[in-house]
Amino acid sequence: MSQEIKPVVSKEEVFDKLEIRVGRVIDVEREPSAPKPSYKMLIDFGKFGRRVSVGRFTQHPIEEVKGRLVLGVLNFEPRPIGNVTSEVLVLGVQFPKAESGEATFVSPLANAKVGSKLF
């Protein structure tokens, strides 16, 4: 089995340009206009403001998502998903045994400060 990876890139030219910050989900609801089951989340990034994100985290119950610390990319171009503009990409990985695209969160284990930078 092939283990192809993408080409090597410079940390300074790629990773350091990303604005990845810790945020806290302060509101979450199902987003019926999204093409696949998704949540619309309002996330507080502290001094970086509140941003909306639409993501496929629906394997988690809403009450488990609200209040959760998440990592989000703040400087990607906003993207329309259904009738909503997703302003931040919340980082996730494939939810075990779920259909392709269903995600679980990449989150800090400790209660990190909202707005903290990923490095």
PDB file of N, CA and C in Angstrom:
ATOM      1  N   MET A   1       0.846  -1.191   0.000  1.00  0.00           N
ATOM      2  CA  MET A   1       0.000   0.000   0.000  1.00  0.00           C
ATOM      3  C   MET A   1       0.887   1.248   0.000  1.00  0.00           C
ATOM      4  N   SER A   2       0.585   2.168  -0.866  1.00  0.00           N
ATOM      5  CA  SER A   2       1.352   3.396  -1.004  1.00  0.00           C
ATOM      6  C   SER A   2       1.008   4.376   0.113  1.00  0.00           C
ATOM      7  N   GLN A   3       2.015   5.013   0.651  1.00  0.00           N
ATOM      8  CA  GLN A   3       1.829   6.024   1.700  1.00  0.00           C
ATOM      9  C   GLN A   3       2.245   7.388   1.160  1.00  0.00           C
ATOM     10  N   GLU A   4       1.561   7.835   0.111  1.00  0.00           N
ATOM     11  CA  GLU A   4       1.917   9.105  -0.515  1.00  0.00           C
ATOM     12  C   GLU A   4       1.632  10.270   0.418  1.00  0.00           C
ATOM     13  N   ILE A   5       2.584  11.200   0.468  1.00  0.00           N
ATOM     14  CA  ILE A   5       2.380  12.443   1.198  1.00  0.00           C
ATOM     15  C   ILE A   5       2.637  13.595   0.246  1.00  0.00           C
ATOM     16  N   LYS A   6       2.171  14.746   0.620  1.00  0.00           N
ATOM     17  CA  LYS A   6       2.361  15.927  -0.221  1.00  0.00           C
ATOM     18  C   LYS A   6       3.821  16.371  -0.158  1.00  0.00           C
ATOM     19  N   PRO A   7       4.262  17.195  -1.115  1.00  0.00           N
ATOM     20  CA  PRO A   7       5.664  17.635  -1.132  1.00  0.00           C
ATOM     21  C   PRO A   7       6.030  18.408   0.135  1.00  0.00           C
ATOM     22  N   VAL A   8       7.305  18.366   0.488  1.00  0.00           N
ATOM     23  CA  VAL A   8       7.831  19.112   1.620  1.00  0.00           C
ATOM     24  C   VAL A   8       7.725  20.601   1.310  1.00  0.00           C
ATOM     25  N   VAL A   9       7.286  21.376   2.312  1.00  0.00           N
ATOM     26  CA  VAL A   9       7.172  22.826   2.162  1.00  0.00           C
ATOM     27  C   VAL A   9       7.914  23.506   3.309  1.00  0.00           C
ATOM     28  N   SER A  10       8.165  24.761   3.155  1.00  0.00           N
ATOM     29  CA  SER A  10       8.832  25.542   4.192  1.00  0.00           C
ATOM     30  C   SER A  10       7.822  25.952   5.263  1.00  0.00           C
ATOM     31  N   LYS A  11       8.162  25.717   6.526  1.00  0.00           N
ATOM     32  CA  LYS A  11       7.300  26.127   7.643  1.00  0.00           C
ATOM     33  C   LYS A  11       7.015  27.629   7.568  1.00  0.00           C
ATOM     34  N   GLU A  12       8.049  28.408   7.301  1.00  0.00           N
ATOM     35  CA  GLU A  12       7.900  29.866   7.272  1.00  0.00           C
ATOM     36  C   GLU A  12       6.999  30.328   6.125  1.00  0.00           C
ATOM     37  N   GLU A  13       7.052  29.647   5.008  1.00  0.00           N
ATOM     38  CA  GLU A  13       6.264  30.064   3.849  1.00  0.00           C
ATOM     39  C   GLU A  13       4.831  29.534   3.868  1.00  0.00           C
ATOM     40  N   VAL A  14       4.554  28.515   4.682  1.00  0.00           N
ATOM     41  CA  VAL A  14       3.216  27.918   4.674  1.00  0.00           C
ATOM     42  C   VAL A  14       2.574  27.999   6.060  1.00  0.00           C
ATOM     43  N   PHE A  15       3.081  27.258   7.014  1.00  0.00           N
ATOM     44  CA  PHE A  15       2.453  27.165   8.335  1.00  0.00           C
ATOM     45  C   PHE A  15       2.395  28.520   9.048  1.00  0.00           C
ATOM     46  N   ASP A  16       3.486  29.272   8.992  1.00  0.00           N
ATOM     47  CA  ASP A  16       3.531  30.551   9.711  1.00  0.00           C
ATOM     48  C   ASP A  16       2.569  31.589   9.148  1.00  0.00           C
ATOM     49  N   LYS A  17       2.046  31.375   7.936  1.00  0.00           N
ATOM     50  CA  LYS A  17       1.072  32.302   7.350  1.00  0.00           C
ATOM     51  C   LYS A  17      -0.345  32.023   7.826  1.00  0.00           C
ATOM     52  N   LEU A  18      -0.556  30.853   8.431  1.00  0.00           N
ATOM     53  CA  LEU A  18      -1.893  30.499   8.905  1.00  0.00           C
ATOM     54  C   LEU A  18      -2.151  31.103  10.281  1.00  0.00           C
ATOM     55  N   GLU A  19      -3.325  31.654  10.449  1.00  0.00           N
ATOM     56  CA  GLU A  19      -3.749  32.220  11.730  1.00  0.00           C
ATOM     57  C   GLU A  19      -4.664  31.189  12.391  1.00  0.00           C
ATOM     58  N   ILE A  20      -4.074  30.249  13.132  1.00  0.00           N
ATOM     59  CA  ILE A  20      -4.828  29.180  13.786  1.00  0.00           C
ATOM     60  C   ILE A  20      -4.912  29.513  15.268  1.00  0.00           C
ATOM     61  N   ARG A  21      -6.134  29.676  15.755  1.00  0.00           N
ATOM     62  CA  ARG A  21      -6.375  30.135  17.121  1.00  0.00           C
ATOM     63  C   ARG A  21      -7.372  29.232  17.838  1.00  0.00           C
ATOM     64  N   VAL A  22      -7.310  29.275  19.173  1.00  0.00           N
ATOM     65  CA  VAL A  22      -8.270  28.568  20.026  1.00  0.00           C
ATOM     66  C   VAL A  22      -9.526  29.421  20.146  1.00  0.00           C
ATOM     67  N   GLY A  23     -10.670  28.783  19.973  1.00  0.00           N
ATOM     68  CA  GLY A  23     -11.949  29.456  20.163  1.00  0.00           C
ATOM     69  C   GLY A  23     -12.879  28.592  20.995  1.00  0.00           C
ATOM     70  N   ARG A  24     -13.916  29.224  21.535  1.00  0.00           N
ATOM     71  CA  ARG A  24     -14.923  28.490  22.310  1.00  0.00           C
ATOM     72  C   ARG A  24     -16.260  28.595  21.590  1.00  0.00           C
ATOM     73  N   VAL A  25     -16.884  27.445  21.343  1.00  0.00           N
ATOM     74  CA  VAL A  25     -18.199  27.415  20.702  1.00  0.00           C
ATOM     75  C   VAL A  25     -19.210  27.968  21.702  1.00  0.00           C
ATOM     76  N   ILE A  26     -19.854  29.074  21.333  1.00  0.00           N
ATOM     77  CA  ILE A  26     -20.823  29.678  22.253  1.00  0.00           C
ATOM     78  C   ILE A  26     -22.268  29.428  21.831  1.00  0.00           C
ATOM     79  N   ASP A  27     -22.473  29.041  20.590  1.00  0.00           N
ATOM     80  CA  ASP A  27     -23.813  28.681  20.140  1.00  0.00           C
ATOM     81  C   ASP A  27     -23.674  27.686  19.003  1.00  0.00           C
ATOM     82  N   VAL A  28     -24.589  26.730  18.937  1.00  0.00           N
ATOM     83  CA  VAL A  28     -24.544  25.713  17.882  1.00  0.00           C
ATOM     84  C   VAL A  28     -25.956  25.271  17.555  1.00  0.00           C
ATOM     85  N   GLU A  29     -26.202  25.061  16.272  1.00  0.00           N
ATOM     86  CA  GLU A  29     -27.505  24.560  15.817  1.00  0.00           C
ATOM     87  C   GLU A  29     -27.307  23.826  14.498  1.00  0.00           C
ATOM     88  N   ARG A  30     -28.231  22.964  14.159  1.00  0.00           N
ATOM     89  CA  ARG A  30     -28.183  22.285  12.860  1.00  0.00           C
ATOM     90  C   ARG A  30     -28.359  23.333  11.769  1.00  0.00           C
ATOM     91  N   GLU A  31     -27.678  23.129  10.655  1.00  0.00           N
ATOM     92  CA  GLU A  31     -27.799  24.046   9.520  1.00  0.00           C
ATOM     93  C   GLU A  31     -28.516  23.319   8.380  1.00  0.00           C
ATOM     94  N   PRO A  32     -29.843  23.519   8.267  1.00  0.00           N
ATOM     95  CA  PRO A  32     -30.627  22.770   7.278  1.00  0.00           C
ATOM     96  C   PRO A  32     -30.300  23.111   5.823  1.00  0.00           C
ATOM     97  N   SER A  33     -29.715  24.276   5.558  1.00  0.00           N
ATOM     98  CA  SER A  33     -29.434  24.648   4.172  1.00  0.00           C
ATOM     99  C   SER A  33     -28.119  24.051   3.646  1.00  0.00           C
ATOM    100  N   ALA A  34     -27.321  23.458   4.520  1.00  0.00           N
ATOM    101  CA  ALA A  34     -26.055  22.847   4.080  1.00  0.00           C
ATOM    102  C   ALA A  34     -26.354  21.601   3.250  1.00  0.00           C
ATOM    103  N   PRO A  35     -25.506  21.302   2.255  1.00  0.00           N
ATOM    104  CA  PRO A  35     -25.761  20.153   1.384  1.00  0.00           C
ATOM    105  C   PRO A  35     -25.694  18.798   2.104  1.00  0.00           C
ATOM    106  N   LYS A  36     -24.937  18.718   3.202  1.00  0.00           N
ATOM    107  CA  LYS A  36     -24.838  17.499   4.008  1.00  0.00           C
ATOM    108  C   LYS A  36     -25.089  17.882   5.456  1.00  0.00           C
ATOM    109  N   PRO A  37     -25.475  16.925   6.320  1.00  0.00           N
ATOM    110  CA  PRO A  37     -25.739  17.265   7.725  1.00  0.00           C
ATOM    111  C   PRO A  37     -24.564  18.041   8.336  1.00  0.00           C
ATOM    112  N   SER A  38     -24.869  19.215   8.873  1.00  0.00           N
ATOM    113  CA  SER A  38     -23.835  20.111   9.404  1.00  0.00           C
ATOM    114  C   SER A  38     -24.385  20.923  10.562  1.00  0.00           C
ATOM    115  N   TYR A  39     -23.459  21.441  11.355  1.00  0.00           N
ATOM    116  CA  TYR A  39     -23.788  22.400  12.407  1.00  0.00           C
ATOM    117  C   TYR A  39     -23.316  23.783  11.990  1.00  0.00           C
ATOM    118  N   LYS A  40     -24.093  24.790  12.376  1.00  0.00           N
ATOM    119  CA  LYS A  40     -23.647  26.179  12.307  1.00  0.00           C
ATOM    120  C   LYS A  40     -23.229  26.542  13.726  1.00  0.00           C
ATOM    121  N   MET A  41     -21.980  26.957  13.880  1.00  0.00           N
ATOM    122  CA  MET A  41     -21.441  27.275  15.201  1.00  0.00           C
ATOM    123  C   MET A  41     -21.007  28.730  15.257  1.00  0.00           C
ATOM    124  N   LEU A  42     -21.335  29.396  16.346  1.00  0.00           N
ATOM    125  CA  LEU A  42     -20.800  30.724  16.621  1.00  0.00           C
ATOM    126  C   LEU A  42     -19.665  30.509  17.613  1.00  0.00           C
ATOM    127  N   ILE A  43     -18.471  30.970  17.237  1.00  0.00           N
ATOM    128  CA  ILE A  43     -17.270  30.684  18.014  1.00  0.00           C
ATOM    129  C   ILE A  43     -16.621  31.993  18.450  1.00  0.00           C
ATOM    130  N   ASP A  44     -16.279  32.070  19.738  1.00  0.00           N
ATOM    131  CA  ASP A  44     -15.616  33.236  20.314  1.00  0.00           C
ATOM    132  C   ASP A  44     -14.112  33.010  20.287  1.00  0.00           C
ATOM    133  N   PHE A  45     -13.396  33.890  19.578  1.00  0.00           N
ATOM    134  CA  PHE A  45     -11.939  33.825  19.513  1.00  0.00           C
ATOM    135  C   PHE A  45     -11.304  34.963  20.313  1.00  0.00           C
ATOM    136  N   GLY A  46     -11.980  35.439  21.341  1.00  0.00           N
ATOM    137  CA  GLY A  46     -11.447  36.489  22.201  1.00  0.00           C
ATOM    138  C   GLY A  46     -11.229  37.775  21.439  1.00  0.00           C
ATOM    139  N   LYS A  47     -10.018  38.316  21.518  1.00  0.00           N
ATOM    140  CA  LYS A  47      -9.718  39.598  20.867  1.00  0.00           C
ATOM    141  C   LYS A  47      -9.795  39.522  19.343  1.00  0.00           C
ATOM    142  N   PHE A  48      -9.939  38.305  18.794  1.00  0.00           N
ATOM    143  CA  PHE A  48     -10.062  38.131  17.343  1.00  0.00           C
ATOM    144  C   PHE A  48     -11.533  38.081  16.909  1.00  0.00           C
ATOM    145  N   GLY A  49     -12.438  38.244  17.859  1.00  0.00           N
ATOM    146  CA  GLY A  49     -13.849  38.355  17.550  1.00  0.00           C
ATOM    147  C   GLY A  49     -14.593  37.033  17.515  1.00  0.00           C
ATOM    148  N   ARG A  50     -15.869  37.167  17.229  1.00  0.00           N
ATOM    149  CA  ARG A  50     -16.748  36.008  17.085  1.00  0.00           C
ATOM    150  C   ARG A  50     -16.928  35.716  15.609  1.00  0.00           C
ATOM    151  N   ARG A  51     -16.868  34.432  15.275  1.00  0.00           N
ATOM    152  CA  ARG A  51     -16.977  34.035  13.875  1.00  0.00           C
ATOM    153  C   ARG A  51     -17.936  32.860  13.744  1.00  0.00           C
ATOM    154  N   VAL A  52     -18.569  32.767  12.587  1.00  0.00           N
ATOM    155  CA  VAL A  52     -19.476  31.661  12.268  1.00  0.00           C
ATOM    156  C   VAL A  52     -18.704  30.602  11.486  1.00  0.00           C
ATOM    157  N   SER A  53     -18.970  29.351  11.813  1.00  0.00           N
ATOM    158  CA  SER A  53     -18.401  28.242  11.061  1.00  0.00           C
ATOM    159  C   SER A  53     -19.485  27.203  10.825  1.00  0.00           C
ATOM    160  N   VAL A  54     -19.484  26.618   9.635  1.00  0.00           N
ATOM    161  CA  VAL A  54     -20.383  25.506   9.329  1.00  0.00           C
ATOM    162  C   VAL A  54     -19.492  24.288   9.122  1.00  0.00           C
ATOM    163  N   GLY A  55     -19.778  23.222   9.873  1.00  0.00           N
ATOM    164  CA  GLY A  55     -18.940  22.035   9.778  1.00  0.00           C
ATOM    165  C   GLY A  55     -19.715  20.760  10.044  1.00  0.00           C
ATOM    166  N   ARG A  56     -19.136  19.666   9.593  1.00  0.00           N
ATOM    167  CA  ARG A  56     -19.782  18.346   9.680  1.00  0.00           C
ATOM    168  C   ARG A  56     -19.357  17.622  10.955  1.00  0.00           C
ATOM    169  N   PHE A  57     -19.764  18.162  12.086  1.00  0.00           N
ATOM    170  CA  PHE A  57     -19.438  17.604  13.396  1.00  0.00           C
ATOM    171  C   PHE A  57     -20.666  16.969  14.041  1.00  0.00           C
ATOM    172  N   THR A  58     -21.632  16.553  13.237  1.00  0.00           N
ATOM    173  CA  THR A  58     -22.943  16.128  13.733  1.00  0.00           C
ATOM    174  C   THR A  58     -22.950  14.760  14.400  1.00  0.00           C
ATOM    175  N   GLN A  59     -21.832  14.049  14.431  1.00  0.00           N
ATOM    176  CA  GLN A  59     -21.755  12.817  15.220  1.00  0.00           C
ATOM    177  C   GLN A  59     -21.719  13.148  16.713  1.00  0.00           C
ATOM    178  N   HIS A  60     -21.415  14.392  17.042  1.00  0.00           N
ATOM    179  CA  HIS A  60     -21.423  14.860  18.425  1.00  0.00           C
ATOM    180  C   HIS A  60     -22.766  15.526  18.708  1.00  0.00           C
ATOM    181  N   PRO A  61     -23.400  15.217  19.838  1.00  0.00           N
ATOM    182  CA  PRO A  61     -24.644  15.924  20.176  1.00  0.00           C
ATOM    183  C   PRO A  61     -24.380  17.415  20.416  1.00  0.00           C
ATOM    184  N   ILE A  62     -25.371  18.234  20.108  1.00  0.00           N
ATOM    185  CA  ILE A  62     -25.243  19.688  20.250  1.00  0.00           C
ATOM    186  C   ILE A  62     -24.755  20.077  21.638  1.00  0.00           C
ATOM    187  N   GLU A  63     -25.285  19.439  22.677  1.00  0.00           N
ATOM    188  CA  GLU A  63     -24.889  19.801  24.047  1.00  0.00           C
ATOM    189  C   GLU A  63     -23.416  19.487  24.328  1.00  0.00           C
ATOM    190  N   GLU A  64     -22.806  18.584  23.562  1.00  0.00           N
ATOM    191  CA  GLU A  64     -21.378  18.278  23.704  1.00  0.00           C
ATOM    192  C   GLU A  64     -20.520  19.295  22.952  1.00  0.00           C
ATOM    193  N   VAL A  65     -21.081  19.899  21.921  1.00  0.00           N
ATOM    194  CA  VAL A  65     -20.343  20.863  21.103  1.00  0.00           C
ATOM    195  C   VAL A  65     -20.324  22.242  21.766  1.00  0.00           C
ATOM    196  N   LYS A  66     -21.452  22.648  22.308  1.00  0.00           N
ATOM    197  CA  LYS A  66     -21.549  23.977  22.941  1.00  0.00           C
ATOM    198  C   LYS A  66     -20.603  24.042  24.136  1.00  0.00           C
ATOM    199  N   GLY A  67     -19.774  25.073  24.157  1.00  0.00           N
ATOM    200  CA  GLY A  67     -18.805  25.264  25.230  1.00  0.00           C
ATOM    201  C   GLY A  67     -17.446  24.645  24.952  1.00  0.00           C
ATOM    202  N   ARG A  68     -17.325  23.855  23.898  1.00  0.00           N
ATOM    203  CA  ARG A  68     -16.077  23.154  23.563  1.00  0.00           C
ATOM    204  C   ARG A  68     -15.032  24.128  23.035  1.00  0.00           C
ATOM    205  N   LEU A  69     -13.773  23.880  23.402  1.00  0.00           N
ATOM    206  CA  LEU A  69     -12.657  24.600  22.801  1.00  0.00           C
ATOM    207  C   LEU A  69     -12.311  23.925  21.485  1.00  0.00           C
ATOM    208  N   VAL A  70     -12.100  24.739  20.451  1.00  0.00           N
ATOM    209  CA  VAL A  70     -11.772  24.225  19.120  1.00  0.00           C
ATOM    210  C   VAL A  70     -10.599  25.025  18.562  1.00  0.00           C
ATOM    211  N   LEU A  71      -9.991  24.484  17.521  1.00  0.00           N
ATOM    212  CA  LEU A  71      -8.953  25.206  16.787  1.00  0.00           C
ATOM    213  C   LEU A  71      -9.527  25.606  15.438  1.00  0.00           C
ATOM    214  N   GLY A  72      -9.346  26.873  15.081  1.00  0.00           N
ATOM    215  CA  GLY A  72      -9.882  27.358  13.818  1.00  0.00           C
ATOM    216  C   GLY A  72      -8.882  28.178  13.035  1.00  0.00           C
ATOM    217  N   VAL A  73      -8.939  28.060  11.717  1.00  0.00           N
ATOM    218  CA  VAL A  73      -8.102  28.872  10.825  1.00  0.00           C
ATOM    219  C   VAL A  73      -8.892  30.141  10.527  1.00  0.00           C
ATOM    220  N   LEU A  74      -8.371  31.276  10.990  1.00  0.00           N
ATOM    221  CA  LEU A  74      -9.100  32.540  10.883  1.00  0.00           C
ATOM    222  C   LEU A  74      -8.846  33.286   9.578  1.00  0.00           C
ATOM    223  N   ASN A  75      -7.788  32.955   8.864  1.00  0.00           N
ATOM    224  CA  ASN A  75      -7.461  33.773   7.699  1.00  0.00           C
ATOM    225  C   ASN A  75      -7.632  33.053   6.361  1.00  0.00           C
ATOM    226  N   PHE A  76      -8.555  32.091   6.315  1.00  0.00           N
ATOM    227  CA  PHE A  76      -8.980  31.569   5.017  1.00  0.00           C
ATOM    228  C   PHE A  76     -10.124  32.433   4.515  1.00  0.00           C
ATOM    229  N   GLU A  77     -10.283  32.499   3.217  1.00  0.00           N
ATOM    230  CA  GLU A  77     -11.377  33.251   2.614  1.00  0.00           C
ATOM    231  C   GLU A  77     -12.716  32.672   3.070  1.00  0.00           C
ATOM    232  N   PRO A  78     -13.690  33.503   3.438  1.00  0.00           N
ATOM    233  CA  PRO A  78     -15.014  32.987   3.813  1.00  0.00           C
ATOM    234  C   PRO A  78     -15.603  32.145   2.688  1.00  0.00           C
ATOM    235  N   ARG A  79     -16.394  31.143   3.082  1.00  0.00           N
ATOM    236  CA  ARG A  79     -16.916  30.179   2.108  1.00  0.00           C
ATOM    237  C   ARG A  79     -18.418  29.993   2.306  1.00  0.00           C
ATOM    238  N   PRO A  80     -19.211  30.171   1.244  1.00  0.00           N
ATOM    239  CA  PRO A  80     -20.649  29.933   1.385  1.00  0.00           C
ATOM    240  C   PRO A  80     -20.939  28.434   1.498  1.00  0.00           C
ATOM    241  N   ILE A  81     -21.730  28.076   2.504  1.00  0.00           N
ATOM    242  CA  ILE A  81     -22.188  26.700   2.676  1.00  0.00           C
ATOM    243  C   ILE A  81     -23.692  26.783   2.900  1.00  0.00           C
ATOM    244  N   GLY A  82     -24.445  26.328   1.923  1.00  0.00           N
ATOM    245  CA  GLY A  82     -25.892  26.521   1.981  1.00  0.00           C
ATOM    246  C   GLY A  82     -26.184  28.007   1.976  1.00  0.00           C
ATOM    247  N   ASN A  83     -27.033  28.453   2.909  1.00  0.00           N
ATOM    248  CA  ASN A  83     -27.403  29.870   2.999  1.00  0.00           C
ATOM    249  C   ASN A  83     -26.536  30.659   3.970  1.00  0.00           C
ATOM    250  N   VAL A  84     -25.458  30.056   4.457  1.00  0.00           N
ATOM    251  CA  VAL A  84     -24.607  30.672   5.481  1.00  0.00           C
ATOM    252  C   VAL A  84     -23.205  30.874   4.911  1.00  0.00           C
ATOM    253  N   THR A  85     -22.541  31.933   5.354  1.00  0.00           N
ATOM    254  CA  THR A  85     -21.138  32.125   5.020  1.00  0.00           C
ATOM    255  C   THR A  85     -20.299  31.646   6.194  1.00  0.00           C
ATOM    256  N   SER A  86     -19.485  30.623   5.960  1.00  0.00           N
ATOM    257  CA  SER A  86     -18.598  30.088   6.983  1.00  0.00           C
ATOM    258  C   SER A  86     -17.335  30.942   6.983  1.00  0.00           C
ATOM    259  N   GLU A  87     -17.056  31.570   8.126  1.00  0.00           N
ATOM    260  CA  GLU A  87     -15.963  32.543   8.225  1.00  0.00           C
ATOM    261  C   GLU A  87     -14.669  31.957   8.767  1.00  0.00           C
ATOM    262  N   VAL A  88     -14.729  30.761   9.308  1.00  0.00           N
ATOM    263  CA  VAL A  88     -13.557  30.139   9.911  1.00  0.00           C
ATOM    264  C   VAL A  88     -13.628  28.631   9.661  1.00  0.00           C
ATOM    265  N   LEU A  89     -12.478  28.021   9.383  1.00  0.00           N
ATOM    266  CA  LEU A  89     -12.403  26.574   9.216  1.00  0.00           C
ATOM    267  C   LEU A  89     -12.031  25.957  10.562  1.00  0.00           C
ATOM    268  N   VAL A  90     -12.950  25.211  11.153  1.00  0.00           N
ATOM    269  CA  VAL A  90     -12.671  24.496  12.396  1.00  0.00           C
ATOM    270  C   VAL A  90     -11.945  23.209  12.034  1.00  0.00           C
ATOM    271  N   LEU A  91     -10.823  22.965  12.703  1.00  0.00           N
ATOM    272  CA  LEU A  91     -10.007  21.786  12.396  1.00  0.00           C
ATOM    273  C   LEU A  91     -10.608  20.529  12.999  1.00  0.00           C
ATOM    274  N   GLY A  92     -10.585  19.476  12.214  1.00  0.00           N
ATOM    275  CA  GLY A  92     -11.109  18.194  12.666  1.00  0.00           C
ATOM    276  C   GLY A  92     -10.436  17.053  11.933  1.00  0.00           C
ATOM    277  N   VAL A  93     -10.729  15.851  12.391  1.00  0.00           N
ATOM    278  CA  VAL A  93     -10.270  14.630  11.736  1.00  0.00           C
ATOM    279  C   VAL A  93     -11.481  13.720  11.561  1.00  0.00           C
ATOM    280  N   GLN A  94     -11.333  12.717  10.712  1.00  0.00           N
ATOM    281  CA  GLN A  94     -12.430  11.793  10.427  1.00  0.00           C
ATOM    282  C   GLN A  94     -12.977  11.166  11.715  1.00  0.00           C
ATOM    283  N   PHE A  95     -14.296  11.245  11.903  1.00  0.00           N
ATOM    284  CA  PHE A  95     -14.947  10.589  13.040  1.00  0.00           C
ATOM    285  C   PHE A  95     -14.883   9.078  12.801  1.00  0.00           C
ATOM    286  N   PRO A  96     -14.493   8.284  13.804  1.00  0.00           N
ATOM    287  CA  PRO A  96     -14.350   6.834  13.606  1.00  0.00           C
ATOM    288  C   PRO A  96     -15.622   6.184  13.057  1.00  0.00           C
ATOM    289  N   LYS A  97     -15.457   5.438  11.981  1.00  0.00           N
ATOM    290  CA  LYS A  97     -16.515   4.644  11.356  1.00  0.00           C
ATOM    291  C   LYS A  97     -17.685   5.468  10.825  1.00  0.00           C
ATOM    292  N   ALA A  98     -17.494   6.772  10.664  1.00  0.00           N
ATOM    293  CA  ALA A  98     -18.545   7.620  10.096  1.00  0.00           C
ATOM    294  C   ALA A  98     -18.296   7.772   8.602  1.00  0.00           C
ATOM    295  N   GLU A  99     -19.299   8.289   7.884  1.00  0.00           N
ATOM    296  CA  GLU A  99     -19.124   8.492   6.447  1.00  0.00           C
ATOM    297  C   GLU A  99     -18.068   9.561   6.195  1.00  0.00           C
ATOM    298  N   SER A 100     -17.491   9.526   5.029  1.00  0.00           N
ATOM    299  CA  SER A 100     -16.428  10.457   4.663  1.00  0.00           C
ATOM    300  C   SER A 100     -16.876  11.899   4.879  1.00  0.00           C
ATOM    301  N   GLY A 101     -16.038  12.681   5.525  1.00  0.00           N
ATOM    302  CA  GLY A 101     -16.341  14.086   5.770  1.00  0.00           C
ATOM    303  C   GLY A 101     -16.907  14.363   7.145  1.00  0.00           C
ATOM    304  N   GLU A 102     -17.463  13.343   7.816  1.00  0.00           N
ATOM    305  CA  GLU A 102     -17.940  13.531   9.194  1.00  0.00           C
ATOM    306  C   GLU A 102     -16.720  13.642  10.096  1.00  0.00           C
ATOM    307  N   ALA A 103     -16.681  14.662  10.933  1.00  0.00           N
ATOM    308  CA  ALA A 103     -15.464  14.967  11.678  1.00  0.00           C
ATOM    309  C   ALA A 103     -15.669  14.968  13.189  1.00  0.00           C
ATOM    310  N   THR A 104     -14.554  14.828  13.867  1.00  0.00           N
ATOM    311  CA  THR A 104     -14.464  15.100  15.297  1.00  0.00           C
ATOM    312  C   THR A 104     -13.426  16.205  15.460  1.00  0.00           C
ATOM    313  N   PHE A 105     -13.512  16.951  16.532  1.00  0.00           N
ATOM    314  CA  PHE A 105     -12.706  18.153  16.722  1.00  0.00           C
ATOM    315  C   PHE A 105     -11.246  17.856  17.060  1.00  0.00           C
ATOM    316  N   VAL A 106     -10.369  18.749  16.615  1.00  0.00           N
ATOM    317  CA  VAL A 106      -8.996  18.821  17.114  1.00  0.00           C
ATOM    318  C   VAL A 106      -9.054  19.911  18.183  1.00  0.00           C
ATOM    319  N   SER A 107      -8.836  19.532  19.438  1.00  0.00           N
ATOM    320  CA  SER A 107      -9.008  20.455  20.560  1.00  0.00           C
ATOM    321  C   SER A 107      -7.847  20.344  21.540  1.00  0.00           C
ATOM    322  N   PRO A 108      -7.544  21.437  22.254  1.00  0.00           N
ATOM    323  CA  PRO A 108      -6.521  21.345  23.295  1.00  0.00           C
ATOM    324  C   PRO A 108      -7.022  20.491  24.460  1.00  0.00           C
ATOM    325  N   LEU A 109      -6.139  19.722  25.048  1.00  0.00           N
ATOM    326  CA  LEU A 109      -6.496  18.888  26.186  1.00  0.00           C
ATOM    327  C   LEU A 109      -6.716  19.732  27.440  1.00  0.00           C
ATOM    328  N   ALA A 110      -5.908  20.780  27.604  1.00  0.00           N
ATOM    329  CA  ALA A 110      -6.034  21.680  28.751  1.00  0.00           C
ATOM    330  C   ALA A 110      -6.989  22.820  28.397  1.00  0.00           C
ATOM    331  N   ASN A 111      -7.453  23.526  29.405  1.00  0.00           N
ATOM    332  CA  ASN A 111      -8.358  24.659  29.214  1.00  0.00           C
ATOM    333  C   ASN A 111      -7.562  25.873  28.741  1.00  0.00           C
ATOM    334  N   ALA A 112      -7.140  25.861  27.473  1.00  0.00           N
ATOM    335  CA  ALA A 112      -6.305  26.915  26.890  1.00  0.00           C
ATOM    336  C   ALA A 112      -7.072  28.226  26.811  1.00  0.00           C
ATOM    337  N   LYS A 113      -6.335  29.314  26.813  1.00  0.00           N
ATOM    338  CA  LYS A 113      -6.926  30.653  26.716  1.00  0.00           C
ATOM    339  C   LYS A 113      -7.518  30.864  25.330  1.00  0.00           C
ATOM    340  N   VAL A 114      -8.740  31.359  25.288  1.00  0.00           N
ATOM    341  CA  VAL A 114      -9.405  31.688  24.025  1.00  0.00           C
ATOM    342  C   VAL A 114      -8.552  32.734  23.303  1.00  0.00           C
ATOM    343  N   GLY A 115      -8.289  32.489  22.018  1.00  0.00           N
ATOM    344  CA  GLY A 115      -7.467  33.377  21.214  1.00  0.00           C
ATOM    345  C   GLY A 115      -6.021  32.925  21.120  1.00  0.00           C
ATOM    346  N   SER A 116      -5.627  31.907  21.908  1.00  0.00           N
ATOM    347  CA  SER A 116      -4.238  31.420  21.864  1.00  0.00           C
ATOM    348  C   SER A 116      -3.895  30.909  20.477  1.00  0.00           C
ATOM    349  N   LYS A 117      -2.644  31.099  20.081  1.00  0.00           N
ATOM    350  CA  LYS A 117      -2.173  30.692  18.752  1.00  0.00           C
ATOM    351  C   LYS A 117      -1.634  29.265  18.793  1.00  0.00           C
ATOM    352  N   LEU A 118      -1.954  28.498  17.760  1.00  0.00           N
ATOM    353  CA  LEU A 118      -1.370  27.164  17.569  1.00  0.00           C
ATOM    354  C   LEU A 118       0.039  27.365  17.029  1.00  0.00           C
ATOM    355  N   PHE A 119       0.999  26.664  17.630  1.00  0.00           N
ATOM    356  CA  PHE A 119       2.383  26.733  17.123  1.00  0.00           C
ATOM    357  C   PHE A 119       3.020  25.377  17.184  1.00  0.00           C
TER     358      PHE A 119
END
